[in-house]
């Protein structure tokens, strides 16, 4: 089986520390909590911010 490498770039704020799980066959999984802010204006013209 050939080795492959995937790459992803995400931008935001870390919600918690990275959790790394290692398996016996040298496979690793990283879990990341990511938060992003959404800025908007209401119908009355007020600015708002929502974190997701």
N, C-alpha and C. Protein backbone atom coordinates (compact mmCIF):
# COMPACT_ATOMS: atom_id res chain seq x y z
N UNK A 1 0.84 -1.17 0.00
CA UNK A 1 0.00 0.00 0.00
C UNK A 1 0.89 1.24 0.00
N UNK A 2 0.59 2.19 -0.86
CA UNK A 2 1.39 3.40 -0.92
C UNK A 2 0.97 4.36 0.19
N UNK A 3 1.91 5.18 0.60
CA UNK A 3 1.66 6.15 1.65
C UNK A 3 1.13 7.43 1.02
N UNK A 4 0.09 8.02 1.63
CA UNK A 4 -0.44 9.28 1.13
C UNK A 4 -0.46 10.30 2.26
N UNK A 5 -0.54 11.57 1.89
CA UNK A 5 -0.52 12.63 2.88
C UNK A 5 -1.62 13.63 2.51
N UNK A 6 -2.47 13.94 3.47
CA UNK A 6 -3.54 14.92 3.26
C UNK A 6 -3.18 16.20 3.99
N UNK A 7 -3.60 17.32 3.44
CA UNK A 7 -3.32 18.61 4.05
C UNK A 7 -4.59 19.45 4.06
N UNK A 8 -4.90 20.06 5.23
CA UNK A 8 -6.07 20.92 5.38
C UNK A 8 -5.64 22.14 6.17
N UNK A 9 -6.12 23.31 5.76
CA UNK A 9 -5.81 24.53 6.50
C UNK A 9 -7.12 25.13 7.01
N UNK A 10 -7.25 25.23 8.34
CA UNK A 10 -8.43 25.80 8.99
C UNK A 10 -8.00 27.04 9.75
N UNK A 11 -8.84 28.07 9.73
CA UNK A 11 -8.50 29.30 10.43
C UNK A 11 -9.58 29.59 11.47
N UNK A 12 -9.15 29.90 12.68
CA UNK A 12 -10.07 30.18 13.76
C UNK A 12 -9.31 30.22 15.07
N UNK A 13 -10.04 29.98 16.15
CA UNK A 13 -9.46 30.00 17.48
C UNK A 13 -9.57 28.61 18.09
N UNK A 14 -8.51 28.17 18.73
CA UNK A 14 -8.52 26.85 19.37
C UNK A 14 -9.46 26.89 20.57
N UNK A 15 -10.43 25.95 20.57
CA UNK A 15 -11.38 25.88 21.67
C UNK A 15 -10.83 25.09 22.84
N UNK A 16 -9.86 24.23 22.59
CA UNK A 16 -9.24 23.43 23.64
C UNK A 16 -7.91 22.90 23.11
N UNK A 17 -7.18 22.23 23.97
CA UNK A 17 -5.90 21.63 23.55
C UNK A 17 -6.16 20.49 22.55
N UNK A 18 -5.20 20.24 21.70
CA UNK A 18 -5.30 19.15 20.72
C UNK A 18 -5.21 17.82 21.46
N UNK A 19 -6.08 16.90 21.09
CA UNK A 19 -6.07 15.56 21.66
C UNK A 19 -5.50 14.61 20.61
N UNK A 20 -4.39 13.96 20.92
CA UNK A 20 -3.73 13.06 19.99
C UNK A 20 -3.88 11.63 20.47
N UNK A 21 -4.39 10.76 19.59
CA UNK A 21 -4.56 9.34 19.90
C UNK A 21 -3.66 8.54 18.98
N UNK A 22 -2.83 7.68 19.57
CA UNK A 22 -1.91 6.83 18.79
C UNK A 22 -2.40 5.40 18.86
N UNK A 23 -2.34 4.70 17.73
CA UNK A 23 -2.73 3.30 17.65
C UNK A 23 -1.50 2.43 17.43
N UNK A 24 -1.64 1.12 17.64
CA UNK A 24 -0.51 0.19 17.54
C UNK A 24 0.15 0.18 16.17
N UNK A 25 -0.62 0.37 15.11
CA UNK A 25 -0.06 0.28 13.75
C UNK A 25 0.47 1.62 13.24
N UNK A 26 0.91 2.49 14.13
CA UNK A 26 1.53 3.79 13.81
C UNK A 26 0.56 4.78 13.16
N UNK A 27 -0.74 4.58 13.34
CA UNK A 27 -1.75 5.54 12.88
C UNK A 27 -2.04 6.49 14.03
N UNK A 28 -2.18 7.77 13.71
CA UNK A 28 -2.46 8.78 14.73
C UNK A 28 -3.68 9.59 14.31
N UNK A 29 -4.49 9.98 15.29
CA UNK A 29 -5.65 10.84 15.05
C UNK A 29 -5.55 12.05 15.97
N UNK A 30 -5.70 13.23 15.41
CA UNK A 30 -5.71 14.46 16.21
C UNK A 30 -7.12 15.04 16.20
N UNK A 31 -7.62 15.39 17.38
CA UNK A 31 -8.93 16.04 17.50
C UNK A 31 -8.71 17.47 17.93
N UNK A 32 -9.37 18.39 17.20
CA UNK A 32 -9.20 19.82 17.45
C UNK A 32 -10.57 20.47 17.55
N UNK A 33 -10.77 21.30 18.54
CA UNK A 33 -11.98 22.09 18.67
C UNK A 33 -11.66 23.48 18.11
N UNK A 34 -12.45 23.93 17.15
CA UNK A 34 -12.17 25.20 16.47
C UNK A 34 -13.37 26.12 16.58
N UNK A 35 -13.14 27.38 16.97
CA UNK A 35 -14.20 28.38 17.08
C UNK A 35 -13.94 29.49 16.06
N UNK A 36 -15.02 29.97 15.45
CA UNK A 36 -14.93 31.09 14.52
C UNK A 36 -15.98 32.13 14.89
N UNK A 37 -15.68 33.40 14.61
CA UNK A 37 -16.60 34.49 14.89
C UNK A 37 -17.30 34.92 13.61
N UNK A 38 -18.59 35.19 13.73
CA UNK A 38 -19.37 35.70 12.60
C UNK A 38 -19.89 37.08 13.01
N UNK A 39 -19.60 38.08 12.19
CA UNK A 39 -20.04 39.44 12.45
C UNK A 39 -21.20 39.77 11.52
N UNK A 40 -22.21 40.49 12.03
CA UNK A 40 -23.39 40.80 11.22
C UNK A 40 -24.03 42.08 11.73
N UNK A 41 -25.00 42.59 10.96
CA UNK A 41 -25.81 43.74 11.37
C UNK A 41 -27.27 43.30 11.44
N UNK A 42 -27.97 43.74 12.48
CA UNK A 42 -29.38 43.42 12.62
C UNK A 42 -30.21 44.33 11.72
N UNK A 43 -31.50 44.06 11.65
CA UNK A 43 -32.41 44.88 10.84
C UNK A 43 -32.43 46.33 11.33
N UNK A 44 -32.20 46.52 12.63
CA UNK A 44 -32.18 47.88 13.18
C UNK A 44 -30.84 48.57 13.02
N UNK A 45 -29.86 47.87 12.42
CA UNK A 45 -28.55 48.47 12.15
C UNK A 45 -27.51 48.23 13.22
N UNK A 46 -27.86 47.52 14.28
CA UNK A 46 -26.90 47.23 15.34
C UNK A 46 -25.95 46.13 14.89
N UNK A 47 -24.69 46.26 15.29
CA UNK A 47 -23.70 45.23 14.96
C UNK A 47 -23.77 44.11 15.99
N UNK A 48 -23.59 42.88 15.51
CA UNK A 48 -23.62 41.73 16.40
C UNK A 48 -22.47 40.79 16.07
N UNK A 49 -22.21 39.91 17.02
CA UNK A 49 -21.15 38.91 16.83
C UNK A 49 -21.64 37.59 17.41
N UNK A 50 -21.43 36.52 16.66
CA UNK A 50 -21.81 35.20 17.12
C UNK A 50 -20.61 34.28 16.95
N UNK A 51 -20.30 33.53 18.01
CA UNK A 51 -19.20 32.57 17.96
C UNK A 51 -19.77 31.18 17.75
N UNK A 52 -19.21 30.49 16.78
CA UNK A 52 -19.66 29.12 16.49
C UNK A 52 -18.52 28.16 16.67
